[in-house]
N, C-alpha and C. Protein backbone atom coordinates (compact mmCIF):
# COMPACT_ATOMS: atom_id res chain seq x y z
N MET A 1 0.84 -1.18 0.00
CA MET A 1 0.00 0.00 0.00
C MET A 1 0.88 1.24 0.00
N PHE A 2 0.57 2.19 -0.88
CA PHE A 2 1.34 3.43 -0.93
C PHE A 2 0.96 4.31 0.25
N GLN A 3 1.96 4.92 0.85
CA GLN A 3 1.72 5.79 1.99
C GLN A 3 2.06 7.24 1.69
N GLY A 4 2.48 7.54 0.47
CA GLY A 4 2.77 8.92 0.09
C GLY A 4 4.23 9.12 -0.24
N LEU A 5 4.54 10.28 -0.76
CA LEU A 5 5.91 10.63 -1.10
C LEU A 5 6.78 10.57 0.14
N ARG A 6 7.91 9.93 0.06
CA ARG A 6 8.77 9.81 1.22
C ARG A 6 10.18 10.35 0.95
N THR A 7 10.78 9.97 -0.18
CA THR A 7 12.19 10.29 -0.43
C THR A 7 12.40 10.72 -1.87
N ILE A 8 13.17 11.76 -2.04
CA ILE A 8 13.68 12.19 -3.34
C ILE A 8 15.19 12.08 -3.24
N ILE A 9 15.81 11.42 -4.21
CA ILE A 9 17.26 11.26 -4.19
C ILE A 9 17.85 11.98 -5.39
N TYR A 10 18.80 12.88 -5.11
CA TYR A 10 19.50 13.60 -6.16
C TYR A 10 20.92 13.04 -6.30
N PRO A 11 21.35 12.76 -7.52
CA PRO A 11 22.75 12.38 -7.73
C PRO A 11 23.62 13.64 -7.63
N VAL A 12 24.76 13.53 -6.97
CA VAL A 12 25.67 14.67 -6.82
C VAL A 12 27.10 14.24 -7.08
N SER A 13 27.87 15.11 -7.70
CA SER A 13 29.25 14.79 -8.03
C SER A 13 30.20 15.03 -6.86
N ASP A 14 29.83 15.86 -5.92
CA ASP A 14 30.68 16.17 -4.77
C ASP A 14 29.79 16.14 -3.52
N LEU A 15 29.82 15.04 -2.80
CA LEU A 15 28.92 14.84 -1.67
C LEU A 15 29.12 15.88 -0.58
N GLU A 16 30.36 16.24 -0.27
CA GLU A 16 30.61 17.22 0.79
C GLU A 16 30.07 18.59 0.42
N LYS A 17 30.31 19.02 -0.82
CA LYS A 17 29.78 20.32 -1.26
C LYS A 17 28.26 20.29 -1.29
N ALA A 18 27.68 19.19 -1.76
CA ALA A 18 26.22 19.07 -1.82
C ALA A 18 25.63 19.09 -0.41
N LYS A 19 26.25 18.38 0.50
CA LYS A 19 25.77 18.36 1.89
C LYS A 19 25.79 19.77 2.48
N ALA A 20 26.86 20.51 2.23
CA ALA A 20 26.96 21.88 2.76
C ALA A 20 25.92 22.79 2.10
N TRP A 21 25.76 22.67 0.78
CA TRP A 21 24.81 23.54 0.07
C TRP A 21 23.39 23.27 0.53
N TYR A 22 22.99 22.01 0.56
CA TYR A 22 21.63 21.68 0.98
C TYR A 22 21.43 21.96 2.46
N GLY A 23 22.46 21.85 3.27
CA GLY A 23 22.35 22.23 4.67
C GLY A 23 21.99 23.70 4.82
N ARG A 24 22.60 24.55 3.96
CA ARG A 24 22.27 25.98 3.97
C ARG A 24 20.85 26.21 3.45
N VAL A 25 20.50 25.53 2.35
CA VAL A 25 19.16 25.70 1.78
C VAL A 25 18.08 25.30 2.78
N LEU A 26 18.26 24.14 3.40
CA LEU A 26 17.24 23.59 4.30
C LEU A 26 17.36 24.10 5.74
N LYS A 27 18.46 24.79 6.02
CA LYS A 27 18.73 25.28 7.38
C LYS A 27 18.71 24.14 8.39
N SER A 28 19.33 23.02 7.99
CA SER A 28 19.38 21.87 8.90
C SER A 28 20.59 21.01 8.56
N LYS A 29 20.86 20.11 9.47
CA LYS A 29 21.93 19.13 9.25
C LYS A 29 21.29 17.81 8.85
N PRO A 30 22.02 16.97 8.13
CA PRO A 30 21.46 15.67 7.75
C PRO A 30 21.22 14.78 8.96
N TYR A 31 20.19 13.96 8.87
CA TYR A 31 19.95 12.98 9.93
C TYR A 31 20.75 11.71 9.66
N PHE A 32 21.16 11.51 8.40
CA PHE A 32 21.96 10.33 8.01
C PHE A 32 23.12 10.86 7.19
N ASP A 33 24.35 10.59 7.64
CA ASP A 33 25.52 11.18 7.00
C ASP A 33 26.63 10.15 6.88
N LYS A 34 26.69 9.50 5.73
CA LYS A 34 27.69 8.47 5.46
C LYS A 34 28.41 8.81 4.15
N PRO A 35 29.57 8.24 3.90
CA PRO A 35 30.28 8.52 2.65
C PRO A 35 29.54 8.07 1.40
N PHE A 36 28.57 7.19 1.55
CA PHE A 36 27.84 6.65 0.41
C PHE A 36 26.45 7.26 0.24
N TYR A 37 26.00 8.10 1.21
CA TYR A 37 24.65 8.66 1.14
C TYR A 37 24.46 9.66 2.27
N VAL A 38 23.78 10.76 1.96
CA VAL A 38 23.42 11.75 2.98
C VAL A 38 21.92 11.99 2.87
N GLY A 39 21.23 11.95 4.00
CA GLY A 39 19.78 12.16 4.01
C GLY A 39 19.38 13.28 4.94
N PHE A 40 18.52 14.17 4.44
CA PHE A 40 17.94 15.26 5.24
C PHE A 40 16.47 14.96 5.46
N ASN A 41 16.00 15.20 6.68
CA ASN A 41 14.57 15.09 6.99
C ASN A 41 13.97 16.48 6.81
N VAL A 42 13.07 16.61 5.83
CA VAL A 42 12.42 17.89 5.53
C VAL A 42 10.94 17.74 5.86
N SER A 43 10.59 18.03 7.10
CA SER A 43 9.20 17.95 7.56
C SER A 43 8.58 16.58 7.27
N GLY A 44 9.33 15.53 7.52
CA GLY A 44 8.81 14.19 7.34
C GLY A 44 9.07 13.58 5.98
N TYR A 45 9.73 14.31 5.10
CA TYR A 45 10.11 13.80 3.79
C TYR A 45 11.62 13.81 3.71
N GLU A 46 12.17 12.92 2.92
CA GLU A 46 13.62 12.82 2.84
C GLU A 46 14.16 13.34 1.53
N LEU A 47 15.18 14.18 1.64
CA LEU A 47 15.98 14.57 0.49
C LEU A 47 17.29 13.82 0.64
N GLY A 48 17.56 12.91 -0.28
CA GLY A 48 18.77 12.11 -0.24
C GLY A 48 19.77 12.59 -1.28
N LEU A 49 21.04 12.55 -0.91
CA LEU A 49 22.13 12.90 -1.82
C LEU A 49 22.97 11.66 -2.05
N ASP A 50 23.14 11.28 -3.32
CA ASP A 50 23.83 10.04 -3.68
C ASP A 50 25.03 10.35 -4.56
N PRO A 51 26.24 10.04 -4.08
CA PRO A 51 27.44 10.31 -4.88
C PRO A 51 27.70 9.26 -5.97
N ASP A 52 26.94 8.19 -6.01
CA ASP A 52 27.12 7.15 -7.03
C ASP A 52 26.42 7.60 -8.31
N LEU A 53 27.18 8.11 -9.26
CA LEU A 53 26.60 8.68 -10.48
C LEU A 53 26.42 7.65 -11.59
N GLU A 54 26.82 6.42 -11.36
CA GLU A 54 26.71 5.40 -12.41
C GLU A 54 25.24 5.19 -12.78
N GLY A 55 24.93 5.46 -14.03
CA GLY A 55 23.58 5.25 -14.53
C GLY A 55 22.57 6.30 -14.12
N ALA A 56 23.02 7.35 -13.44
CA ALA A 56 22.08 8.39 -12.98
C ALA A 56 22.64 9.76 -13.33
N PRO A 57 22.37 10.24 -14.53
CA PRO A 57 22.92 11.55 -14.91
C PRO A 57 22.30 12.66 -14.07
N PRO A 58 23.11 13.65 -13.67
CA PRO A 58 22.55 14.77 -12.91
C PRO A 58 21.46 15.47 -13.71
N GLY A 59 20.48 15.98 -13.00
CA GLY A 59 19.40 16.71 -13.65
C GLY A 59 18.51 15.82 -14.48
N GLY A 60 18.22 14.62 -13.97
CA GLY A 60 17.35 13.68 -14.68
C GLY A 60 15.99 14.28 -14.96
N SER A 61 15.07 13.48 -15.42
CA SER A 61 13.79 13.99 -15.90
C SER A 61 12.78 14.29 -14.80
N MET A 62 12.95 13.78 -13.60
CA MET A 62 11.96 14.04 -12.55
C MET A 62 12.29 15.34 -11.83
N VAL A 63 11.23 15.99 -11.35
CA VAL A 63 11.39 17.19 -10.55
C VAL A 63 10.55 17.03 -9.30
N ALA A 64 11.17 17.18 -8.15
CA ALA A 64 10.44 17.18 -6.89
C ALA A 64 10.14 18.63 -6.52
N TYR A 65 8.91 18.89 -6.11
CA TYR A 65 8.53 20.23 -5.69
C TYR A 65 8.38 20.24 -4.18
N TRP A 66 9.12 21.13 -3.53
CA TRP A 66 9.11 21.25 -2.09
C TRP A 66 8.24 22.44 -1.70
N GLU A 67 7.37 22.22 -0.72
CA GLU A 67 6.43 23.26 -0.30
C GLU A 67 7.15 24.43 0.36
N VAL A 68 6.75 25.63 -0.01
CA VAL A 68 7.25 26.86 0.60
C VAL A 68 6.06 27.77 0.88
N ALA A 69 6.23 28.70 1.81
CA ALA A 69 5.15 29.64 2.14
C ALA A 69 5.07 30.77 1.12
N ASP A 70 6.20 31.16 0.54
CA ASP A 70 6.25 32.27 -0.40
C ASP A 70 7.23 31.92 -1.52
N ALA A 71 6.72 31.62 -2.69
CA ALA A 71 7.56 31.16 -3.80
C ALA A 71 8.57 32.22 -4.23
N ARG A 72 8.18 33.47 -4.25
CA ARG A 72 9.11 34.52 -4.70
C ARG A 72 10.31 34.66 -3.77
N SER A 73 10.05 34.69 -2.47
CA SER A 73 11.17 34.83 -1.53
C SER A 73 12.01 33.56 -1.50
N ALA A 74 11.39 32.40 -1.62
CA ALA A 74 12.15 31.15 -1.64
C ALA A 74 13.04 31.08 -2.88
N LEU A 75 12.53 31.50 -4.03
CA LEU A 75 13.33 31.51 -5.25
C LEU A 75 14.51 32.47 -5.10
N SER A 76 14.27 33.63 -4.57
CA SER A 76 15.34 34.61 -4.36
C SER A 76 16.43 34.04 -3.45
N ARG A 77 16.03 33.38 -2.39
CA ARG A 77 17.00 32.79 -1.45
C ARG A 77 17.82 31.70 -2.13
N LEU A 78 17.17 30.83 -2.91
CA LEU A 78 17.89 29.77 -3.60
C LEU A 78 18.92 30.35 -4.58
N LEU A 79 18.53 31.40 -5.29
CA LEU A 79 19.47 32.04 -6.22
C LEU A 79 20.63 32.67 -5.45
N ASP A 80 20.34 33.30 -4.31
CA ASP A 80 21.39 33.89 -3.48
C ASP A 80 22.37 32.83 -2.98
N LEU A 81 21.89 31.61 -2.79
CA LEU A 81 22.74 30.52 -2.29
C LEU A 81 23.50 29.80 -3.41
N GLY A 82 23.37 30.26 -4.64
CA GLY A 82 24.16 29.71 -5.72
C GLY A 82 23.43 28.83 -6.71
N ALA A 83 22.12 28.70 -6.58
CA ALA A 83 21.37 27.95 -7.59
C ALA A 83 21.28 28.79 -8.86
N ALA A 84 21.08 28.12 -9.98
CA ALA A 84 20.92 28.82 -11.25
C ALA A 84 19.44 28.87 -11.61
N PRO A 85 18.99 29.96 -12.21
CA PRO A 85 17.58 30.04 -12.60
C PRO A 85 17.23 28.94 -13.60
N HIS A 86 16.05 28.37 -13.46
CA HIS A 86 15.57 27.37 -14.42
C HIS A 86 14.22 27.80 -14.97
N SER A 87 13.25 28.05 -14.08
CA SER A 87 11.98 28.63 -14.51
C SER A 87 11.53 29.61 -13.43
N PRO A 88 11.01 30.77 -13.84
CA PRO A 88 10.61 31.79 -12.86
C PRO A 88 9.34 31.38 -12.13
N VAL A 89 9.00 32.15 -11.12
CA VAL A 89 7.74 31.92 -10.41
C VAL A 89 6.60 32.13 -11.40
N GLN A 90 5.74 31.13 -11.46
CA GLN A 90 4.58 31.19 -12.34
C GLN A 90 3.35 30.82 -11.54
N GLU A 91 2.27 31.57 -11.73
CA GLU A 91 1.01 31.16 -11.13
C GLU A 91 0.36 30.18 -12.09
N VAL A 92 0.05 28.99 -11.59
CA VAL A 92 -0.50 27.94 -12.44
C VAL A 92 -2.00 27.78 -12.24
N GLY A 93 -2.60 28.69 -11.47
CA GLY A 93 -4.04 28.67 -11.24
C GLY A 93 -4.38 28.66 -9.78
N ASP A 94 -5.43 29.35 -9.41
CA ASP A 94 -5.96 29.36 -8.04
C ASP A 94 -4.91 29.72 -6.99
N ASP A 95 -4.07 30.70 -7.29
CA ASP A 95 -3.04 31.18 -6.36
C ASP A 95 -1.95 30.15 -6.06
N ILE A 96 -1.80 29.16 -6.90
CA ILE A 96 -0.72 28.18 -6.75
C ILE A 96 0.45 28.67 -7.60
N ARG A 97 1.63 28.77 -6.97
CA ARG A 97 2.82 29.26 -7.67
C ARG A 97 3.93 28.22 -7.63
N VAL A 98 4.62 28.08 -8.74
CA VAL A 98 5.74 27.14 -8.83
C VAL A 98 6.93 27.84 -9.47
N ALA A 99 8.12 27.32 -9.19
CA ALA A 99 9.35 27.78 -9.81
C ALA A 99 10.38 26.66 -9.69
N THR A 100 11.41 26.71 -10.52
CA THR A 100 12.48 25.72 -10.42
C THR A 100 13.83 26.40 -10.57
N VAL A 101 14.82 25.78 -9.95
CA VAL A 101 16.21 26.20 -10.10
C VAL A 101 17.04 24.95 -10.40
N ALA A 102 18.23 25.19 -10.91
CA ALA A 102 19.20 24.09 -11.03
C ALA A 102 20.15 24.22 -9.85
N ASP A 103 20.27 23.15 -9.09
CA ASP A 103 21.20 23.20 -7.97
C ASP A 103 22.63 23.17 -8.53
N PRO A 104 23.65 23.41 -7.71
CA PRO A 104 25.02 23.44 -8.22
C PRO A 104 25.52 22.10 -8.77
N PHE A 105 24.69 21.06 -8.70
CA PHE A 105 25.10 19.72 -9.12
C PHE A 105 24.31 19.25 -10.34
N GLY A 106 23.50 20.15 -10.93
CA GLY A 106 22.78 19.84 -12.15
C GLY A 106 21.37 19.32 -11.96
N ASN A 107 20.91 19.19 -10.73
CA ASN A 107 19.55 18.70 -10.48
C ASN A 107 18.56 19.84 -10.50
N ILE A 108 17.35 19.57 -10.96
CA ILE A 108 16.30 20.57 -10.93
C ILE A 108 15.57 20.46 -9.59
N PHE A 109 15.48 21.56 -8.90
CA PHE A 109 14.90 21.65 -7.56
C PHE A 109 13.66 22.53 -7.68
N GLY A 110 12.48 21.95 -7.43
CA GLY A 110 11.23 22.68 -7.57
C GLY A 110 10.70 23.18 -6.25
N ILE A 111 10.03 24.32 -6.30
CA ILE A 111 9.34 24.86 -5.13
C ILE A 111 7.89 25.11 -5.52
N ILE A 112 7.00 24.93 -4.56
CA ILE A 112 5.57 25.15 -4.81
C ILE A 112 4.95 25.85 -3.61
N GLU A 113 4.16 26.87 -3.91
CA GLU A 113 3.36 27.58 -2.92
C GLU A 113 1.91 27.23 -3.25
N ASN A 114 1.30 26.41 -2.41
CA ASN A 114 -0.05 25.94 -2.69
C ASN A 114 -0.92 26.14 -1.46
N PRO A 115 -1.72 27.21 -1.44
CA PRO A 115 -2.53 27.49 -0.25
C PRO A 115 -3.70 26.51 -0.06
N HIS A 116 -3.94 25.64 -1.04
CA HIS A 116 -5.08 24.72 -0.96
C HIS A 116 -4.72 23.34 -0.44
N PHE A 117 -3.42 23.01 -0.42
CA PHE A 117 -3.00 21.65 -0.08
C PHE A 117 -2.66 21.56 1.39
N THR A 118 -3.23 20.57 2.07
CA THR A 118 -2.88 20.27 3.45
C THR A 118 -2.41 18.82 3.49
N PRO A 119 -1.16 18.59 3.90
CA PRO A 119 -0.68 17.20 3.94
C PRO A 119 -1.55 16.35 4.85
N SER A 120 -1.76 15.13 4.43
CA SER A 120 -2.56 14.21 5.26
C SER A 120 -1.63 13.29 6.00
N SER A 121 -2.12 12.79 7.08
CA SER A 121 -1.39 11.81 7.85
C SER A 121 -1.57 10.46 7.17
N PRO A 122 -0.47 9.70 6.97
CA PRO A 122 -0.62 8.40 6.33
C PRO A 122 -1.52 7.44 7.12
N ARG A 123 -1.62 7.64 8.41
CA ARG A 123 -2.42 6.72 9.23
C ARG A 123 -3.90 7.06 9.19
N THR A 124 -4.21 8.36 9.13
CA THR A 124 -5.62 8.74 9.22
C THR A 124 -6.22 9.13 7.87
N GLY A 125 -5.35 9.48 6.90
CA GLY A 125 -5.85 9.91 5.60
C GLY A 125 -6.41 11.32 5.60
N ARG A 126 -6.14 12.04 6.67
CA ARG A 126 -6.60 13.44 6.72
C ARG A 126 -5.61 14.31 7.43
């Protein structure tokens, strides 16, 4: 049975630099920190960093969108921290805003401001 989105794993060419950059972005330290994998807990979801690039080109086709309260300020902060612009803040309907950046390792990092979405508990469904 599916319980919801749990982990997004980004391939990175330099694990130490990626760990430091994402630590600044997320304002937290990883909960799992090994030479073969680094994991951050982001409000119950995991952002994983994997230095094994075999078969996983940076910036693959999937994009994970991380919830933010204000898409414009979040985009500005990501750019200030060294991300490259990918797509500007766009309203996609009903006050929902999205934007993407390329992290310093070639991955597309999405942000979403969605005033209508409330995460549900996997146990209760609400």
